[in-house]
């Protein structure tokens, strides 16, 4: 095989890997991740990119908590959702790497 042909094959392989990585990361970022707020206080939703999209508070259970407990539970749920989004992005990166 000629040197030129080997280089063309290498470039083609790199382009395919780059396209696979771009697609995998885009798919991960498009996902919505919902996490329950502890104490049955509602849910938070983040995008696959880790951006907070929605907070939904269960008004029926709200009287059974305090402001301090609500803020701690809310923060816990947001962090958990962001960590899940990060794990999804990492999985996409790992899956798109050559073996």
N, C-alpha and C. Protein backbone atom coordinates (compact mmCIF):
# COMPACT_ATOMS: atom_id res chain seq x y z
N UNK A 1 0.85 -1.17 0.00
CA UNK A 1 0.00 0.00 0.00
C UNK A 1 0.90 1.24 0.00
N UNK A 2 0.53 2.20 -0.81
CA UNK A 2 1.34 3.41 -0.92
C UNK A 2 1.20 4.28 0.33
N UNK A 3 2.18 5.12 0.49
CA UNK A 3 2.17 6.03 1.65
C UNK A 3 0.95 6.95 1.58
N UNK A 4 0.65 7.43 0.40
CA UNK A 4 -0.50 8.31 0.22
C UNK A 4 -1.78 7.60 0.61
N UNK A 5 -1.92 6.36 0.20
CA UNK A 5 -3.13 5.59 0.51
C UNK A 5 -3.25 5.36 2.02
N UNK A 6 -2.13 5.06 2.68
CA UNK A 6 -2.15 4.88 4.13
C UNK A 6 -2.57 6.16 4.84
N UNK A 7 -2.07 7.30 4.36
CA UNK A 7 -2.45 8.58 4.95
C UNK A 7 -3.94 8.88 4.72
N UNK A 8 -4.42 8.57 3.54
CA UNK A 8 -5.85 8.76 3.26
C UNK A 8 -6.71 7.89 4.17
N UNK A 9 -6.28 6.66 4.38
CA UNK A 9 -7.02 5.76 5.28
C UNK A 9 -7.00 6.29 6.71
N UNK A 10 -5.86 6.79 7.13
CA UNK A 10 -5.74 7.33 8.48
C UNK A 10 -6.64 8.55 8.66
N UNK A 11 -6.63 9.44 7.69
CA UNK A 11 -7.49 10.63 7.75
C UNK A 11 -8.96 10.20 7.79
N UNK A 12 -9.31 9.24 6.99
CA UNK A 12 -10.69 8.75 6.96
C UNK A 12 -11.09 8.16 8.31
N UNK A 13 -10.20 7.40 8.92
CA UNK A 13 -10.47 6.81 10.23
C UNK A 13 -10.63 7.88 11.29
N UNK A 14 -9.78 8.90 11.26
CA UNK A 14 -9.88 10.00 12.22
C UNK A 14 -11.19 10.75 12.05
N UNK A 15 -11.59 10.99 10.82
CA UNK A 15 -12.85 11.69 10.57
C UNK A 15 -14.05 10.87 11.06
N UNK A 16 -14.00 9.55 10.87
CA UNK A 16 -15.08 8.69 11.35
C UNK A 16 -15.16 8.71 12.88
N UNK A 17 -14.02 8.64 13.53
CA UNK A 17 -13.99 8.69 15.00
C UNK A 17 -14.51 10.03 15.51
N UNK A 18 -14.11 11.10 14.85
CA UNK A 18 -14.56 12.43 15.26
C UNK A 18 -16.08 12.56 15.09
N UNK A 19 -16.59 12.05 14.00
CA UNK A 19 -18.04 12.09 13.77
C UNK A 19 -18.79 11.27 14.83
N UNK A 20 -18.23 10.11 15.16
CA UNK A 20 -18.86 9.26 16.18
C UNK A 20 -18.85 9.96 17.54
N UNK A 21 -17.76 10.59 17.89
CA UNK A 21 -17.65 11.31 19.15
C UNK A 21 -18.63 12.48 19.18
N UNK A 22 -18.69 13.24 18.11
CA UNK A 22 -19.61 14.38 18.04
C UNK A 22 -21.05 13.93 18.20
N UNK A 23 -21.41 12.85 17.54
CA UNK A 23 -22.77 12.32 17.64
C UNK A 23 -23.06 11.81 19.04
N UNK A 24 -22.13 11.09 19.63
CA UNK A 24 -22.33 10.53 20.97
C UNK A 24 -22.50 11.64 22.00
N UNK A 25 -21.67 12.67 21.92
CA UNK A 25 -21.78 13.78 22.87
C UNK A 25 -23.07 14.57 22.66
N UNK A 26 -23.46 14.77 21.41
CA UNK A 26 -24.73 15.47 21.13
C UNK A 26 -25.91 14.69 21.69
N UNK A 27 -25.89 13.37 21.53
CA UNK A 27 -26.97 12.54 22.07
C UNK A 27 -27.01 12.61 23.59
N UNK A 28 -25.86 12.59 24.23
CA UNK A 28 -25.81 12.68 25.69
C UNK A 28 -26.33 14.03 26.16
N UNK A 29 -25.96 15.09 25.46
CA UNK A 29 -26.39 16.43 25.88
C UNK A 29 -27.88 16.67 25.67
N UNK A 30 -28.48 15.96 24.73
CA UNK A 30 -29.91 16.13 24.45
C UNK A 30 -30.80 15.43 25.47
N UNK A 31 -30.24 14.54 26.25
CA UNK A 31 -31.05 13.81 27.22
C UNK A 31 -31.46 14.73 28.36
N UNK A 32 -32.61 14.40 28.94
CA UNK A 32 -33.08 15.09 30.14
C UNK A 32 -32.95 14.12 31.30
N UNK A 33 -32.37 14.60 32.39
CA UNK A 33 -32.16 13.75 33.57
C UNK A 33 -33.02 14.29 34.69
N UNK A 34 -33.90 13.45 35.20
CA UNK A 34 -34.75 13.83 36.32
C UNK A 34 -34.28 13.10 37.57
N UNK A 35 -34.22 13.82 38.67
CA UNK A 35 -33.85 13.23 39.96
C UNK A 35 -34.88 13.69 40.99
N UNK A 36 -35.35 12.74 41.78
CA UNK A 36 -36.29 13.08 42.84
C UNK A 36 -35.61 13.88 43.93
N UNK A 37 -36.33 14.86 44.43
CA UNK A 37 -35.85 15.62 45.58
C UNK A 37 -36.16 14.77 46.82
N UNK A 38 -35.16 14.49 47.65
CA UNK A 38 -35.40 13.65 48.82
C UNK A 38 -36.57 14.16 49.66
N UNK A 39 -37.26 13.23 50.30
CA UNK A 39 -38.40 13.59 51.12
C UNK A 39 -39.69 13.74 50.32
N UNK A 40 -39.68 13.20 49.12
CA UNK A 40 -40.84 13.29 48.22
C UNK A 40 -41.28 14.74 48.03
N UNK A 41 -40.29 15.62 47.86
CA UNK A 41 -40.57 17.04 47.74
C UNK A 41 -40.66 17.51 46.29
N UNK A 42 -40.46 16.62 45.33
CA UNK A 42 -40.57 16.99 43.93
C UNK A 42 -39.43 16.40 43.11
N UNK A 43 -39.14 17.06 41.99
CA UNK A 43 -38.08 16.59 41.09
C UNK A 43 -37.31 17.79 40.54
N UNK A 44 -36.07 17.52 40.18
CA UNK A 44 -35.28 18.48 39.42
C UNK A 44 -34.92 17.83 38.10
N UNK A 45 -34.74 18.64 37.09
CA UNK A 45 -34.35 18.14 35.77
C UNK A 45 -33.19 18.96 35.26
N UNK A 46 -32.17 18.26 34.77
CA UNK A 46 -31.05 18.92 34.12
C UNK A 46 -30.91 18.34 32.72
N UNK A 47 -30.31 19.11 31.85
CA UNK A 47 -30.01 18.62 30.51
C UNK A 47 -28.81 17.70 30.58
N UNK A 48 -28.57 16.98 29.52
CA UNK A 48 -27.39 16.12 29.45
C UNK A 48 -26.10 16.92 29.55
N UNK A 49 -26.18 18.23 29.31
CA UNK A 49 -25.02 19.10 29.45
C UNK A 49 -24.84 19.56 30.89
N UNK A 50 -25.79 19.17 31.77
CA UNK A 50 -25.69 19.53 33.18
C UNK A 50 -26.34 20.85 33.53
N UNK A 51 -27.10 21.43 32.62
CA UNK A 51 -27.76 22.70 32.90
C UNK A 51 -29.12 22.45 33.53
N UNK A 52 -29.40 23.17 34.59
CA UNK A 52 -30.67 23.05 35.28
C UNK A 52 -31.80 23.49 34.35
N UNK A 53 -32.78 22.61 34.16
CA UNK A 53 -33.89 22.89 33.25
C UNK A 53 -35.19 23.18 34.00
N UNK A 54 -35.40 22.45 35.11
CA UNK A 54 -36.70 22.56 35.77
C UNK A 54 -36.58 22.11 37.22
N UNK A 55 -37.32 22.78 38.08
CA UNK A 55 -37.50 22.36 39.47
C UNK A 55 -39.00 22.30 39.69
N UNK A 56 -39.46 21.15 40.13
CA UNK A 56 -40.89 20.98 40.39
C UNK A 56 -41.04 20.57 41.86
N UNK A 57 -41.70 21.43 42.63
CA UNK A 57 -41.90 21.19 44.06
C UNK A 57 -43.29 20.58 44.27
N UNK A 58 -43.35 19.51 45.05
CA UNK A 58 -44.62 18.88 45.40
C UNK A 58 -45.26 19.70 46.52
N UNK A 59 -46.26 20.47 46.17
CA UNK A 59 -46.87 21.38 47.14
C UNK A 59 -47.60 20.65 48.26
N UNK A 60 -48.01 19.42 48.03
CA UNK A 60 -48.70 18.67 49.08
C UNK A 60 -47.74 18.29 50.21
N UNK A 61 -46.48 18.04 49.88
CA UNK A 61 -45.50 17.64 50.90
C UNK A 61 -44.69 18.82 51.45
N UNK A 62 -44.83 19.97 50.83
CA UNK A 62 -44.06 21.15 51.24
C UNK A 62 -44.31 21.56 52.70
N UNK A 63 -45.53 21.48 53.21
CA UNK A 63 -45.73 21.88 54.62
C UNK A 63 -45.01 20.99 55.63
N UNK A 64 -44.53 19.84 55.21
CA UNK A 64 -43.90 18.90 56.14
C UNK A 64 -42.38 19.04 56.18
N UNK A 65 -41.87 20.14 55.67
CA UNK A 65 -40.43 20.36 55.68
C UNK A 65 -40.14 21.79 56.14
N UNK A 66 -38.89 22.07 56.36
CA UNK A 66 -38.47 23.43 56.72
C UNK A 66 -37.71 24.03 55.54
N UNK A 67 -37.52 25.32 55.60
CA UNK A 67 -36.77 25.97 54.53
C UNK A 67 -35.36 25.41 54.43
N UNK A 68 -34.72 25.20 55.57
CA UNK A 68 -33.36 24.66 55.60
C UNK A 68 -33.32 23.26 54.99
N UNK A 69 -34.26 22.39 55.40
CA UNK A 69 -34.29 21.02 54.89
C UNK A 69 -34.61 21.01 53.40
N UNK A 70 -35.51 21.88 52.97
CA UNK A 70 -35.85 21.96 51.55
C UNK A 70 -34.64 22.38 50.73
N UNK A 71 -33.92 23.40 51.20
CA UNK A 71 -32.76 23.86 50.44
C UNK A 71 -31.68 22.79 50.37
N UNK A 72 -31.46 22.07 51.46
CA UNK A 72 -30.47 20.99 51.45
C UNK A 72 -30.88 19.86 50.52
N UNK A 73 -32.15 19.49 50.57
CA UNK A 73 -32.65 18.42 49.70
C UNK A 73 -32.60 18.82 48.24
N UNK A 74 -32.94 20.06 47.97
CA UNK A 74 -32.91 20.57 46.60
C UNK A 74 -31.49 20.57 46.06
N UNK A 75 -30.56 21.05 46.86
CA UNK A 75 -29.16 21.06 46.45
C UNK A 75 -28.65 19.64 46.21
N UNK A 76 -29.01 18.72 47.08
CA UNK A 76 -28.61 17.32 46.92
C UNK A 76 -29.12 16.74 45.59
N UNK A 77 -30.37 17.04 45.25
CA UNK A 77 -30.95 16.53 44.00
C UNK A 77 -30.28 17.16 42.78
N UNK A 78 -30.01 18.45 42.85
CA UNK A 78 -29.36 19.12 41.71
C UNK A 78 -27.96 18.56 41.49
N UNK A 79 -27.21 18.40 42.55
CA UNK A 79 -25.85 17.84 42.43
C UNK A 79 -25.91 16.43 41.87
N UNK A 80 -26.84 15.62 42.35
CA UNK A 80 -26.97 14.24 41.85
C UNK A 80 -27.31 14.24 40.36
N UNK A 81 -28.19 15.12 39.93
CA UNK A 81 -28.57 15.19 38.52
C UNK A 81 -27.39 15.65 37.66
N UNK A 82 -26.65 16.64 38.14
CA UNK A 82 -25.48 17.11 37.39
C UNK A 82 -24.41 16.01 37.30
N UNK A 83 -24.22 15.27 38.37
CA UNK A 83 -23.25 14.16 38.35
C UNK A 83 -23.69 13.08 37.38
N UNK A 84 -24.99 12.82 37.32
CA UNK A 84 -25.51 11.82 36.37
C UNK A 84 -25.25 12.29 34.93
N UNK A 85 -25.49 13.57 34.67
CA UNK A 85 -25.24 14.12 33.34
C UNK A 85 -23.76 14.00 32.98
N UNK A 86 -22.89 14.29 33.93
CA UNK A 86 -21.44 14.16 33.69
C UNK A 86 -21.08 12.71 33.38
N UNK A 87 -21.68 11.77 34.10
CA UNK A 87 -21.41 10.35 33.86
C UNK A 87 -21.87 9.94 32.46
N UNK A 88 -23.00 10.46 32.02
CA UNK A 88 -23.48 10.15 30.66
C UNK A 88 -22.51 10.68 29.61
N UNK A 89 -22.01 11.90 29.81
CA UNK A 89 -21.05 12.46 28.85
C UNK A 89 -19.76 11.65 28.85
N UNK A 90 -19.32 11.22 30.03
CA UNK A 90 -18.10 10.41 30.12
C UNK A 90 -18.29 9.07 29.43
N UNK A 91 -19.46 8.46 29.59
CA UNK A 91 -19.75 7.20 28.92
C UNK A 91 -19.71 7.38 27.41
N UNK A 92 -20.25 8.50 26.93
CA UNK A 92 -20.23 8.78 25.49
C UNK A 92 -18.79 8.91 24.99
N UNK A 93 -17.96 9.59 25.77
CA UNK A 93 -16.55 9.72 25.38
C UNK A 93 -15.85 8.37 25.35
N UNK A 94 -16.08 7.59 26.39
CA UNK A 94 -15.44 6.28 26.49
C UNK A 94 -15.89 5.36 25.36
N UNK A 95 -17.18 5.37 25.07
CA UNK A 95 -17.73 4.48 24.04
C UNK A 95 -17.23 4.86 22.64
N UNK A 96 -16.92 6.13 22.43
CA UNK A 96 -16.50 6.54 21.10
C UNK A 96 -15.00 6.39 20.86
N UNK A 97 -14.26 6.04 21.89
CA UNK A 97 -12.81 5.87 21.74
C UNK A 97 -12.51 4.53 21.06
N UNK A 98 -11.48 4.50 20.26
CA UNK A 98 -11.11 3.24 19.63
C UNK A 98 -10.62 2.24 20.67
N UNK A 99 -10.84 1.02 20.40
CA UNK A 99 -10.42 -0.04 21.33
C UNK A 99 -9.08 -0.60 20.94
